């Protein structure tokens, strides 16, 4: 994000980075021009200022930064290559990852809008028609009037992948129009399951336990099955972490209530939301249809019985949002909110947040 206080930036430039989601077509296109072309140029300048070699491989997540490939092509043309040669060199050093295998999560612009911005000297050497061909939906069912950022990313990438095995399968079916004659399973989109950086995501309570009992703070290498750690040790830490969660949830709900009721007094029931001694299940992820948030509502009576079991109840915390253009995803969230509004499952000790 640019600092909106930089005096050299006019208001129309500051507004390009005023929000992440929700901008209209032209606003979103400007963001991606800044991210892709401006980002590639910034990296080049940084390398020169720090006397470091320029990157040889670029990785784009989704098509949002896809224009960096065109900036690299323009630079290579400036070094004497033809467009076709520069395209192959740029592709050889580009990896593309698709994260969102639903149409609503892919940026698509009117070709006339893209043409207007590139019929300039923004990318010397890159012809507008050559550029538009990279994002063309030129396959059965595609729109001839649309420039598709994901398709450009795939065409500019030597390698492409989804972010899980299932995601890769869905993406191969979704984009198989780019490889006519290929069966979906042969489409060259691989999959890499996202990993977790353990030191960043491990709670300090577990870090302290590993240091105390195992003599290491590297939880990715810790032997959690070691006899030096008892079941009681792990259960105690788990209880501490769950209490932290409950207290944080109560603070957040209280803060949200005050925003909605300025000057009011926080109701006492908020201080009892969730129970630190009850089994807690979390669903914290984005909400497209394929992640099946509402699968738990397939049998609402069964879910209600689990939440309200007299001896072994459960509680569920749900966090996440849909892409602003994903109407189906937003409807899934509405269904969960409607269920949570029922006074019975929304008992103060088990109120979904």
Foldseek 3Di string as FASTA:
>chain_A
DDDLPPVVDDPVRSVLPPDDADDDQLSLVSQLCCLALVVLVVQVVVCVVVVHDGDQADEDEALSNVCVLLLQLLVVVVVPDASVVSLVSQQVRYEYEYEDLDPLVWRKHFLVSVLVVPVPVSRPNDDSVNVQVQQAPPFPPGDRGIRTSRSNNVSSHNAAEYADQVRQLSVLVSPVRVPPPDDSVPRRYYYHHDDDDCLVPPDVLVQVVCCVQVVDSRVVPGDPVDPSADPVSVVVSLLVVLVVVLVVQLVVVQVVVCVVPPPDDRDPLSVQAADSVAAEAEAADAFAPVVPPCPCVPPVVVLLCQQVPPPHHYAYEYHYYYRPSRPVRVVSVVVVVVSLPPCRSCPSRHRHD
